[in-house]
Amino acid sequence: MDVTSEQRVPLEDEVYADWALHPRESLVRPRREARLALARDRFSGLGQSGTLAAIESLA
């Protein structure tokens, strides 16, 4: 399948096995909480990924 020739998002239309549905659904809340925690940290100035921030974190 050539993704570039179609107007689809990769893996969005993929079908999951029945056994995988519950484990995937159980990850929705932890992922949401992790994204929120990351957003809060970045808003407060933490979690910067620039070169200078990386060097300062090692000092």
PDB file of N, CA and C in Angstrom:
ATOM      1  N   MET A   1       0.843  -1.176   0.000  1.00  0.00           N
ATOM      2  CA  MET A   1       0.000   0.000   0.000  1.00  0.00           C
ATOM      3  C   MET A   1       0.887   1.237   0.000  1.00  0.00           C
ATOM      4  N   ASP A   2       0.606   2.141  -0.886  1.00  0.00           N
ATOM      5  CA  ASP A   2       1.330   3.395  -0.953  1.00  0.00           C
ATOM      6  C   ASP A   2       0.487   4.467  -0.260  1.00  0.00           C
ATOM      7  N   VAL A   3       0.892   4.827   0.943  1.00  0.00           N
ATOM      8  CA  VAL A   3       0.124   5.768   1.757  1.00  0.00           C
ATOM      9  C   VAL A   3       0.065   7.140   1.093  1.00  0.00           C
ATOM     10  N   THR A   4       1.116   7.508   0.384  1.00  0.00           N
ATOM     11  CA  THR A   4       1.154   8.835  -0.210  1.00  0.00           C
ATOM     12  C   THR A   4       0.147   9.003  -1.340  1.00  0.00           C
ATOM     13  N   SER A   5      -0.280   7.896  -1.934  1.00  0.00           N
ATOM     14  CA  SER A   5      -1.218   8.002  -3.050  1.00  0.00           C
ATOM     15  C   SER A   5      -2.675   8.033  -2.593  1.00  0.00           C
ATOM     16  N   GLU A   6      -2.911   7.741  -1.332  1.00  0.00           N
ATOM     17  CA  GLU A   6      -4.273   7.733  -0.803  1.00  0.00           C
ATOM     18  C   GLU A   6      -4.420   8.820   0.256  1.00  0.00           C
ATOM     19  N   GLN A   7      -5.645   9.210   0.520  1.00  0.00           N
ATOM     20  CA  GLN A   7      -5.913  10.214   1.546  1.00  0.00           C
ATOM     21  C   GLN A   7      -6.246   9.521   2.863  1.00  0.00           C
ATOM     22  N   ARG A   8      -5.335   8.689   3.340  1.00  0.00           N
ATOM     23  CA  ARG A   8      -5.524   7.961   4.591  1.00  0.00           C
ATOM     24  C   ARG A   8      -4.400   8.291   5.551  1.00  0.00           C
ATOM     25  N   VAL A   9      -4.689   8.157   6.808  1.00  0.00           N
ATOM     26  CA  VAL A   9      -3.668   8.300   7.828  1.00  0.00           C
ATOM     27  C   VAL A   9      -3.149   6.899   8.119  1.00  0.00           C
ATOM     28  N   PRO A  10      -1.835   6.687   8.105  1.00  0.00           N
ATOM     29  CA  PRO A  10      -1.304   5.351   8.372  1.00  0.00           C
ATOM     30  C   PRO A  10      -1.813   4.795   9.696  1.00  0.00           C
ATOM     31  N   LEU A  11      -2.219   3.566   9.690  1.00  0.00           N
ATOM     32  CA  LEU A  11      -2.692   2.800  10.844  1.00  0.00           C
ATOM     33  C   LEU A  11      -4.051   3.235  11.382  1.00  0.00           C
ATOM     34  N   GLU A  12      -4.593   4.351  10.919  1.00  0.00           N
ATOM     35  CA  GLU A  12      -5.885   4.789  11.423  1.00  0.00           C
ATOM     36  C   GLU A  12      -6.994   3.813  11.011  1.00  0.00           C
ATOM     37  N   ASP A  13      -6.897   3.272   9.814  1.00  0.00           N
ATOM     38  CA  ASP A  13      -7.929   2.380   9.310  1.00  0.00           C
ATOM     39  C   ASP A  13      -7.625   0.905   9.565  1.00  0.00           C
ATOM     40  N   GLU A  14      -6.556   0.621  10.283  1.00  0.00           N
ATOM     41  CA  GLU A  14      -6.183  -0.766  10.529  1.00  0.00           C
ATOM     42  C   GLU A  14      -7.145  -1.408  11.534  1.00  0.00           C
ATOM     43  N   VAL A  15      -7.415  -2.649  11.319  1.00  0.00           N
ATOM     44  CA  VAL A  15      -8.302  -3.406  12.209  1.00  0.00           C
ATOM     45  C   VAL A  15      -7.444  -4.087  13.274  1.00  0.00           C
ATOM     46  N   TYR A  16      -7.877  -4.016  14.512  1.00  0.00           N
ATOM     47  CA  TYR A  16      -7.158  -4.654  15.603  1.00  0.00           C
ATOM     48  C   TYR A  16      -7.814  -5.984  15.940  1.00  0.00           C
ATOM     49  N   ALA A  17      -7.001  -6.917  16.385  1.00  0.00           N
ATOM     50  CA  ALA A  17      -7.521  -8.207  16.815  1.00  0.00           C
ATOM     51  C   ALA A  17      -8.395  -8.002  18.048  1.00  0.00           C
ATOM     52  N   ASP A  18      -9.397  -8.851  18.204  1.00  0.00           N
ATOM     53  CA  ASP A  18     -10.319  -8.716  19.328  1.00  0.00           C
ATOM     54  C   ASP A  18      -9.599  -8.736  20.679  1.00  0.00           C
ATOM     55  N   TRP A  19      -8.555  -9.575  20.794  1.00  0.00           N
ATOM     56  CA  TRP A  19      -7.852  -9.671  22.067  1.00  0.00           C
ATOM     57  C   TRP A  19      -7.102  -8.381  22.404  1.00  0.00           C
ATOM     58  N   ALA A  20      -6.842  -7.536  21.426  1.00  0.00           N
ATOM     59  CA  ALA A  20      -6.064  -6.318  21.654  1.00  0.00           C
ATOM     60  C   ALA A  20      -6.933  -5.119  22.027  1.00  0.00           C
ATOM     61  N   LEU A  21      -8.232  -5.219  21.860  1.00  0.00           N
ATOM     62  CA  LEU A  21      -9.093  -4.063  22.118  1.00  0.00           C
ATOM     63  C   LEU A  21      -9.063  -3.616  23.578  1.00  0.00           C
ATOM     64  N   HIS A  22      -9.222  -4.541  24.505  1.00  0.00           N
ATOM     65  CA  HIS A  22      -9.246  -4.165  25.922  1.00  0.00           C
ATOM     66  C   HIS A  22      -7.913  -3.576  26.389  1.00  0.00           C
ATOM     67  N   PRO A  23      -6.773  -4.211  26.065  1.00  0.00           N
ATOM     68  CA  PRO A  23      -5.511  -3.593  26.474  1.00  0.00           C
ATOM     69  C   PRO A  23      -5.315  -2.200  25.887  1.00  0.00           C
ATOM     70  N   ARG A  24      -5.728  -1.973  24.650  1.00  0.00           N
ATOM     71  CA  ARG A  24      -5.586  -0.652  24.048  1.00  0.00           C
ATOM     72  C   ARG A  24      -6.482   0.353  24.750  1.00  0.00           C
ATOM     73  N   GLU A  25      -7.704  -0.049  25.072  1.00  0.00           N
ATOM     74  CA  GLU A  25      -8.628   0.858  25.755  1.00  0.00           C
ATOM     75  C   GLU A  25      -8.143   1.176  27.170  1.00  0.00           C
ATOM     76  N   SER A  26      -7.470   0.221  27.808  1.00  0.00           N
ATOM     77  CA  SER A  26      -6.994   0.462  29.167  1.00  0.00           C
ATOM     78  C   SER A  26      -5.842   1.465  29.202  1.00  0.00           C
ATOM     79  N   LEU A  27      -5.243   1.763  28.060  1.00  0.00           N
ATOM     80  CA  LEU A  27      -4.152   2.732  27.999  1.00  0.00           C
ATOM     81  C   LEU A  27      -4.621   4.155  27.732  1.00  0.00           C
ATOM     82  N   VAL A  28      -5.886   4.338  27.418  1.00  0.00           N
ATOM     83  CA  VAL A  28      -6.384   5.671  27.066  1.00  0.00           C
ATOM     84  C   VAL A  28      -6.205   6.651  28.221  1.00  0.00           C
ATOM     85  N   ARG A  29      -6.628   6.280  29.416  1.00  0.00           N
ATOM     86  CA  ARG A  29      -6.542   7.196  30.555  1.00  0.00           C
ATOM     87  C   ARG A  29      -5.100   7.504  30.952  1.00  0.00           C
ATOM     88  N   PRO A  30      -4.219   6.490  31.093  1.00  0.00           N
ATOM     89  CA  PRO A  30      -2.823   6.825  31.434  1.00  0.00           C
ATOM     90  C   PRO A  30      -2.149   7.717  30.386  1.00  0.00           C
ATOM     91  N   ARG A  31      -2.450   7.488  29.116  1.00  0.00           N
ATOM     92  CA  ARG A  31      -1.866   8.335  28.076  1.00  0.00           C
ATOM     93  C   ARG A  31      -2.370   9.774  28.201  1.00  0.00           C
ATOM     94  N   ARG A  32      -3.656   9.932  28.478  1.00  0.00           N
ATOM     95  CA  ARG A  32      -4.231  11.267  28.643  1.00  0.00           C
ATOM     96  C   ARG A  32      -3.589  11.976  29.828  1.00  0.00           C
ATOM     97  N   GLU A  33      -3.410  11.250  30.938  1.00  0.00           N
ATOM     98  CA  GLU A  33      -2.796  11.840  32.123  1.00  0.00           C
ATOM     99  C   GLU A  33      -1.334  12.202  31.863  1.00  0.00           C
ATOM    100  N   ALA A  34      -0.623  11.382  31.113  1.00  0.00           N
ATOM    101  CA  ALA A  34       0.772  11.667  30.792  1.00  0.00           C
ATOM    102  C   ALA A  34       0.890  12.908  29.912  1.00  0.00           C
ATOM    103  N   ARG A  35      -0.002  13.026  28.915  1.00  0.00           N
ATOM    104  CA  ARG A  35       0.017  14.213  28.057  1.00  0.00           C
ATOM    105  C   ARG A  35      -0.285  15.473  28.862  1.00  0.00           C
ATOM    106  N   LEU A  36      -1.220  15.375  29.797  1.00  0.00           N
ATOM    107  CA  LEU A  36      -1.567  16.524  30.637  1.00  0.00           C
ATOM    108  C   LEU A  36      -0.403  16.899  31.549  1.00  0.00           C
ATOM    109  N   ALA A  37       0.249  15.905  32.149  1.00  0.00           N
ATOM    110  CA  ALA A  37       1.403  16.180  33.010  1.00  0.00           C
ATOM    111  C   ALA A  37       2.535  16.824  32.213  1.00  0.00           C
ATOM    112  N   LEU A  38       2.767  16.344  31.004  1.00  0.00           N
ATOM    113  CA  LEU A  38       3.805  16.925  30.157  1.00  0.00           C
ATOM    114  C   LEU A  38       3.465  18.369  29.791  1.00  0.00           C
ATOM    115  N   ALA A  39       2.203  18.613  29.461  1.00  0.00           N
ATOM    116  CA  ALA A  39       1.776  19.974  29.120  1.00  0.00           C
ATOM    117  C   ALA A  39       1.939  20.907  30.309  1.00  0.00           C
ATOM    118  N   ARG A  40       1.610  20.436  31.504  1.00  0.00           N
ATOM    119  CA  ARG A  40       1.779  21.263  32.702  1.00  0.00           C
ATOM    120  C   ARG A  40       3.244  21.581  32.943  1.00  0.00           C
ATOM    121  N   ASP A  41       4.116  20.565  32.796  1.00  0.00           N
ATOM    122  CA  ASP A  41       5.542  20.789  32.994  1.00  0.00           C
ATOM    123  C   ASP A  41       6.094  21.785  31.985  1.00  0.00           C
ATOM    124  N   ARG A  42       5.711  21.634  30.737  1.00  0.00           N
ATOM    125  CA  ARG A  42       6.201  22.546  29.713  1.00  0.00           C
ATOM    126  C   ARG A  42       5.693  23.965  29.946  1.00  0.00           C
ATOM    127  N   PHE A  43       4.456  24.086  30.404  1.00  0.00           N
ATOM    128  CA  PHE A  43       3.901  25.407  30.684  1.00  0.00           C
ATOM    129  C   PHE A  43       4.672  26.087  31.808  1.00  0.00           C
ATOM    130  N   SER A  44       5.103  25.296  32.788  1.00  0.00           N
ATOM    131  CA  SER A  44       5.838  25.869  33.919  1.00  0.00           C
ATOM    132  C   SER A  44       7.328  26.022  33.639  1.00  0.00           C
ATOM    133  N   GLY A  45       7.754  25.692  32.419  1.00  0.00           N
ATOM    134  CA  GLY A  45       9.150  25.889  32.043  1.00  0.00           C
ATOM    135  C   GLY A  45      10.005  24.646  32.131  1.00  0.00           C
ATOM    136  N   LEU A  46       9.450  23.546  32.563  1.00  0.00           N
ATOM    137  CA  LEU A  46      10.194  22.292  32.628  1.00  0.00           C
ATOM    138  C   LEU A  46      10.020  21.528  31.321  1.00  0.00           C
ATOM    139  N   GLY A  47      10.805  20.516  31.137  1.00  0.00           N
ATOM    140  CA  GLY A  47      10.630  19.648  29.979  1.00  0.00           C
ATOM    141  C   GLY A  47      11.101  20.241  28.672  1.00  0.00           C
ATOM    142  N   GLN A  48      12.043  21.192  28.739  1.00  0.00           N
ATOM    143  CA  GLN A  48      12.556  21.785  27.512  1.00  0.00           C
ATOM    144  C   GLN A  48      13.535  20.807  26.860  1.00  0.00           C
ATOM    145  N   SER A  49      13.521  20.737  25.539  1.00  0.00           N
ATOM    146  CA  SER A  49      14.361  19.765  24.850  1.00  0.00           C
ATOM    147  C   SER A  49      15.419  20.418  23.971  1.00  0.00           C
ATOM    148  N   GLY A  50      15.642  21.703  24.147  1.00  0.00           N
ATOM    149  CA  GLY A  50      16.659  22.391  23.361  1.00  0.00           C
ATOM    150  C   GLY A  50      18.058  21.974  23.780  1.00  0.00           C
ATOM    151  N   THR A  51      19.038  22.299  22.964  1.00  0.00           N
ATOM    152  CA  THR A  51      20.420  21.921  23.237  1.00  0.00           C
ATOM    153  C   THR A  51      20.913  22.510  24.553  1.00  0.00           C
ATOM    154  N   LEU A  52      20.668  23.789  24.760  1.00  0.00           N
ATOM    155  CA  LEU A  52      21.121  24.443  25.985  1.00  0.00           C
ATOM    156  C   LEU A  52      20.470  23.817  27.221  1.00  0.00           C
ATOM    157  N   ALA A  53      19.176  23.518  27.145  1.00  0.00           N
ATOM    158  CA  ALA A  53      18.479  22.901  28.282  1.00  0.00           C
ATOM    159  C   ALA A  53      19.046  21.508  28.579  1.00  0.00           C
ATOM    160  N   ALA A  54      19.381  20.762  27.529  1.00  0.00           N
ATOM    161  CA  ALA A  54      19.953  19.425  27.728  1.00  0.00           C
ATOM    162  C   ALA A  54      21.322  19.516  28.399  1.00  0.00           C
ATOM    163  N   ILE A  55      22.132  20.462  27.977  1.00  0.00           N
ATOM    164  CA  ILE A  55      23.460  20.632  28.571  1.00  0.00           C
ATOM    165  C   ILE A  55      23.334  21.076  30.026  1.00  0.00           C
ATOM    166  N   GLU A  56      22.439  22.003  30.292  1.00  0.00           N
ATOM    167  CA  GLU A  56      22.248  22.472  31.668  1.00  0.00           C
ATOM    168  C   GLU A  56      21.731  21.374  32.576  1.00  0.00           C
ATOM    169  N   SER A  57      20.946  20.449  32.059  1.00  0.00           N
ATOM    170  CA  SER A  57      20.418  19.365  32.892  1.00  0.00           C
ATOM    171  C   SER A  57      21.512  18.394  33.305  1.00  0.00           C
ATOM    172  N   LEU A  58      22.597  18.332  32.531  1.00  0.00           N
ATOM    173  CA  LEU A  58      23.704  17.432  32.866  1.00  0.00           C
ATOM    174  C   LEU A  58      24.694  18.060  33.826  1.00  0.00           C
ATOM    175  N   ALA A  59      24.643  19.358  33.984  1.00  0.00           N
ATOM    176  CA  ALA A  59      25.615  20.048  34.841  1.00  0.00           C
ATOM    177  C   ALA A  59      25.259  19.903  36.303  1.00  0.00           C
TER     178      ALA A  59
END
